[in-house]
C-alpha atoms as a PDB file:
ATOM      1  CA  ILE A   1       0.186  52.550  22.093  1.00  0.00           C
ATOM      2  CA  GLU A   2       0.636  50.680  25.384  1.00  0.00           C
ATOM      3  CA  CYS A   3       4.346  51.581  25.345  1.00  0.00           C
ATOM      4  CA  LEU A   4       3.431  55.232  24.864  1.00  0.00           C
ATOM      5  CA  LYS A   5       0.898  55.069  27.698  1.00  0.00           C
ATOM      6  CA  TYR A   6       3.559  53.550  29.931  1.00  0.00           C
ATOM      7  CA  PHE A   7       6.020  56.275  28.954  1.00  0.00           C
ATOM      8  CA  GLN A   8       3.360  58.945  29.560  1.00  0.00           C
ATOM      9  CA  ASN A   9       2.710  57.408  32.983  1.00  0.00           C
ATOM     10  CA  ILE A  10       6.419  57.698  33.809  1.00  0.00           C
ATOM     11  CA  LEU A  11       6.352  61.367  32.829  1.00  0.00           C
ATOM     12  CA  ASP A  12       3.215  62.009  34.897  1.00  0.00           C
ATOM     13  CA  THR A  13       3.922  60.025  38.071  1.00  0.00           C
ATOM     14  CA  LYS A  14       7.645  60.041  38.778  1.00  0.00           C
ATOM     15  CA  SER A  15       8.987  62.628  41.178  1.00  0.00           C
ATOM     16  CA  PRO A  16      10.669  65.617  39.513  1.00  0.00           C
ATOM     17  CA  GLN A  17      14.065  64.363  40.700  1.00  0.00           C
ATOM     18  CA  SER A  18      13.417  60.880  39.239  1.00  0.00           C
ATOM     19  CA  GLN A  19      12.237  62.398  35.962  1.00  0.00           C
ATOM     20  CA  TYR A  20      15.339  64.555  35.821  1.00  0.00           C
ATOM     21  CA  GLU A  21      17.621  61.570  36.496  1.00  0.00           C
ATOM     22  CA  ILE A  22      15.942  59.511  33.766  1.00  0.00           C
ATOM     23  CA  LEU A  23      16.324  62.328  31.239  1.00  0.00           C
ATOM     24  CA  LYS A  24      19.815  63.382  32.325  1.00  0.00           C
ATOM     25  CA  ASN A  25      21.265  59.884  32.271  1.00  0.00           C
ATOM     26  CA  PHE A  26      19.366  58.644  29.250  1.00  0.00           C
ATOM     27  CA  ASP A  27      21.390  56.487  26.922  1.00  0.00           C
ATOM     28  CA  ILE A  28      20.165  54.498  23.915  1.00  0.00           C
ATOM     29  CA  LEU A  29      21.615  51.357  25.457  1.00  0.00           C
ATOM     30  CA  LYS A  30      19.570  51.866  28.630  1.00  0.00           C
ATOM     31  CA  ILE A  31      16.147  52.270  27.040  1.00  0.00           C
ATOM     32  CA  ASN A  32      15.105  48.709  27.857  1.00  0.00           C
ATOM     33  CA  SER A  33      16.020  49.173  31.508  1.00  0.00           C
ATOM     34  CA  TYR A  34      13.768  52.241  31.849  1.00  0.00           C
ATOM     35  CA  PHE A  35      10.813  50.623  30.116  1.00  0.00           C
ATOM     36  CA  ASN A  36      11.636  47.034  31.028  1.00  0.00           C
ATOM     37  CA  ASP A  37       8.314  46.190  32.691  1.00  0.00           C
ATOM     38  CA  CYS A  38       6.333  47.394  29.703  1.00  0.00           C
ATOM     39  CA  PHE A  39       8.530  45.661  27.132  1.00  0.00           C
ATOM     40  CA  ASP A  40       8.661  42.450  29.181  1.00  0.00           C
ATOM     41  CA  TYR A  41       4.887  42.353  29.435  1.00  0.00           C
ATOM     42  CA  LEU A  42       4.397  43.008  25.732  1.00  0.00           C
ATOM     43  CA  SER A  43       7.184  40.617  24.722  1.00  0.00           C
ATOM     44  CA  ASN A  44       5.712  37.823  26.831  1.00  0.00           C
ATOM     45  CA  ALA A  45       2.348  38.409  25.195  1.00  0.00           C
ATOM     46  CA  ARG A  46       3.876  38.256  21.694  1.00  0.00           C
ATOM     47  CA  SER A  47       7.121  38.778  19.852  1.00  0.00           C
ATOM     48  CA  ALA A  48       8.311  42.320  19.191  1.00  0.00           C
ATOM     49  CA  THR A  49       6.408  44.004  16.404  1.00  0.00           C
ATOM     50  CA  VAL A  50       7.356  46.743  13.983  1.00  0.00           C
ATOM     51  CA  GLY A  51       5.112  49.046  16.002  1.00  0.00           C
ATOM     52  CA  MET A  52       6.993  48.295  19.222  1.00  0.00           C
ATOM     53  CA  GLN A  53      10.301  48.924  17.469  1.00  0.00           C
ATOM     54  CA  ASN A  54       8.944  52.217  16.121  1.00  0.00           C
ATOM     55  CA  ILE A  55       8.025  53.269  19.663  1.00  0.00           C
ATOM     56  CA  ILE A  56      11.590  52.575  20.787  1.00  0.00           C
ATOM     57  CA  LYS A  57      12.949  54.637  17.868  1.00  0.00           C
ATOM     58  CA  PHE A  58      10.476  57.419  18.672  1.00  0.00           C
ATOM     59  CA  MET A  59      11.571  57.551  22.315  1.00  0.00           C
ATOM     60  CA  GLU A  60      15.256  57.454  21.384  1.00  0.00           C
ATOM     61  CA  GLU A  61      14.881  60.272  18.854  1.00  0.00           C
ATOM     62  CA  ASN A  62      12.858  62.469  21.183  1.00  0.00           C
ATOM     63  CA  LEU A  63      14.924  61.865  24.289  1.00  0.00           C
ATOM     64  CA  LEU A  64      18.238  62.262  22.504  1.00  0.00           C
ATOM     65  CA  SER A  65      17.162  65.422  20.658  1.00  0.00           C
ATOM     66  CA  ILE A  66      16.589  67.282  23.916  1.00  0.00           C
ATOM     67  CA  ASN A  67      19.292  69.752  24.801  1.00  0.00           C
ATOM     68  CA  LYS A  68      19.563  68.902  28.481  1.00  0.00           C
ATOM     69  CA  GLU A  69      22.100  71.671  29.064  1.00  0.00           C
ATOM     70  CA  THR A  70      19.907  74.617  28.045  1.00  0.00           C
ATOM     71  CA  GLN A  71      16.385  73.455  28.899  1.00  0.00           C
ATOM     72  CA  ASN A  72      14.930  73.060  32.349  1.00  0.00           C
ATOM     73  CA  LEU A  73      12.996  69.982  33.428  1.00  0.00           C
ATOM     74  CA  VAL A  74       9.579  71.627  33.007  1.00  0.00           C
ATOM     75  CA  GLU A  75      10.353  72.521  29.376  1.00  0.00           C
ATOM     76  CA  ILE A  76      11.750  69.058  28.678  1.00  0.00           C
ATOM     77  CA  LEU A  77       8.696  67.286  30.136  1.00  0.00           C
ATOM     78  CA  LYS A  78       6.322  69.591  28.262  1.00  0.00           C
ATOM     79  CA  GLN A  79       8.178  68.878  25.009  1.00  0.00           C
ATOM     80  CA  LEU A  80       8.098  65.108  25.612  1.00  0.00           C
ATOM     81  CA  LYS A  81       4.410  65.066  26.568  1.00  0.00           C
ATOM     82  CA  LEU A  82       3.537  66.974  23.390  1.00  0.00           C
ATOM     83  CA  ALA A  83       5.618  64.567  21.305  1.00  0.00           C
ATOM     84  CA  VAL A  84       3.960  61.520  22.914  1.00  0.00           C
ATOM     85  CA  SER A  85       0.494  62.988  22.405  1.00  0.00           C
ATOM     86  CA  LYS A  86       1.201  63.793  18.736  1.00  0.00           C
ATOM     87  CA  PHE A  87       2.643  60.325  18.130  1.00  0.00           C
ATOM     88  CA  GLN A  88      -0.475  58.714  19.650  1.00  0.00           C
ATOM     89  CA  GLN A  89      -2.701  60.897  17.459  1.00  0.00           C
ATOM     90  CA  ASP A  90      -0.670  59.958  14.377  1.00  0.00           C
ATOM     91  CA  LEU A  91      -0.975  56.244  15.207  1.00  0.00           C
ATOM     92  CA  THR A  92      -4.722  56.513  15.696  1.00  0.00           C
ATOM     93  CA  ALA A  93      -5.155  58.493  12.463  1.00  0.00           C
ATOM     94  CA  SER A  94      -3.025  55.977  10.530  1.00  0.00           C
ATOM     95  CA  LYS A  95      -5.030  53.079  11.898  1.00  0.00           C
ATOM     96  CA  SER A  96      -8.320  54.758  10.939  1.00  0.00           C
ATOM     97  CA  ALA A  97      -7.041  55.492   7.431  1.00  0.00           C
ATOM     98  CA  ILE A  98      -5.856  51.898   6.910  1.00  0.00           C
ATOM     99  CA  ILE A  99      -9.196  50.525   8.131  1.00  0.00           C
ATOM    100  CA  ALA A 100     -11.115  52.853   5.784  1.00  0.00           C
ATOM    101  CA  VAL A 101      -9.014  51.846   2.760  1.00  0.00           C
ATOM    102  CA  MET A 102      -9.218  48.127   3.536  1.00  0.00           C
ATOM    103  CA  LYS A 103     -12.946  48.324   4.191  1.00  0.00           C
ATOM    104  CA  ASN A 104     -13.416  49.605   0.629  1.00  0.00           C
ATOM    105  CA  LYS A 105     -11.123  46.958  -0.885  1.00  0.00           C
ATOM    106  CA  ILE A 106     -12.602  43.868   0.776  1.00  0.00           C
ATOM    107  CA  GLU A 107     -15.729  42.568  -0.872  1.00  0.00           C
ATOM    108  CA  GLY A 108     -18.596  40.531   0.565  1.00  0.00           C
ATOM    109  CA  ASN A 109     -17.544  36.889   0.263  1.00  0.00           C
ATOM    110  CA  CYS A 110     -13.762  37.260   0.299  1.00  0.00           C
ATOM    111  CA  ASN A 111     -11.590  34.684   1.973  1.00  0.00           C
ATOM    112  CA  ILE A 112      -9.085  36.394   4.210  1.00  0.00           C
ATOM    113  CA  LEU A 113      -5.960  34.559   5.279  1.00  0.00           C
ATOM    114  CA  THR A 114      -4.066  35.985   8.213  1.00  0.00           C
ATOM    115  CA  TYR A 115      -0.853  34.848   9.808  1.00  0.00           C
ATOM    116  CA  GLY A 116      -0.247  35.484  13.475  1.00  0.00           C
ATOM    117  CA  PHE A 117      -2.178  38.156  15.325  1.00  0.00           C
ATOM    118  CA  SER A 118      -2.644  41.784  14.489  1.00  0.00           C
ATOM    119  CA  SER A 119      -4.956  44.121  16.331  1.00  0.00           C
ATOM    120  CA  LEU A 120      -5.242  46.111  13.104  1.00  0.00           C
ATOM    121  CA  VAL A 121      -6.481  43.060  11.182  1.00  0.00           C
ATOM    122  CA  CYS A 122      -8.940  42.339  14.006  1.00  0.00           C
ATOM    123  CA  ASP A 123     -10.224  45.911  13.870  1.00  0.00           C
ATOM    124  CA  ILE A 124     -10.654  45.689  10.085  1.00  0.00           C
ATOM    125  CA  LEU A 125     -12.624  42.452  10.431  1.00  0.00           C
ATOM    126  CA  ILE A 126     -14.782  43.942  13.185  1.00  0.00           C
ATOM    127  CA  GLU A 127     -15.550  46.938  10.949  1.00  0.00           C
ATOM    128  CA  LEU A 128     -16.587  44.570   8.164  1.00  0.00           C
ATOM    129  CA  ALA A 129     -18.838  42.469  10.415  1.00  0.00           C
END
């Protein structure tokens, strides 16, 4: 979700010319350069997760699916903002559904072994507390 927030911030705060240049010159191979600060921060905090890789795929699919020849910048930004918002909603809904299912499966005195760190596991344990 932090990657999406960072991406949303780029869409909201860059000048129209900068936004246009990012979208016009977008290339799959350049995605890390556009979001480098965000990925560096998250990568230093922990190794890349499936969720982070899914965000990259999401951005690639949405940015590459835009027909930059026929749409103007306002339409493109509106389309991207809607896609980011929907993706965030889907992530939040998925997380809530997983927590609800796990809450019903874990019984009172269970031993739970976790490996590494997962905010989802932490949220499940907090719900159970």
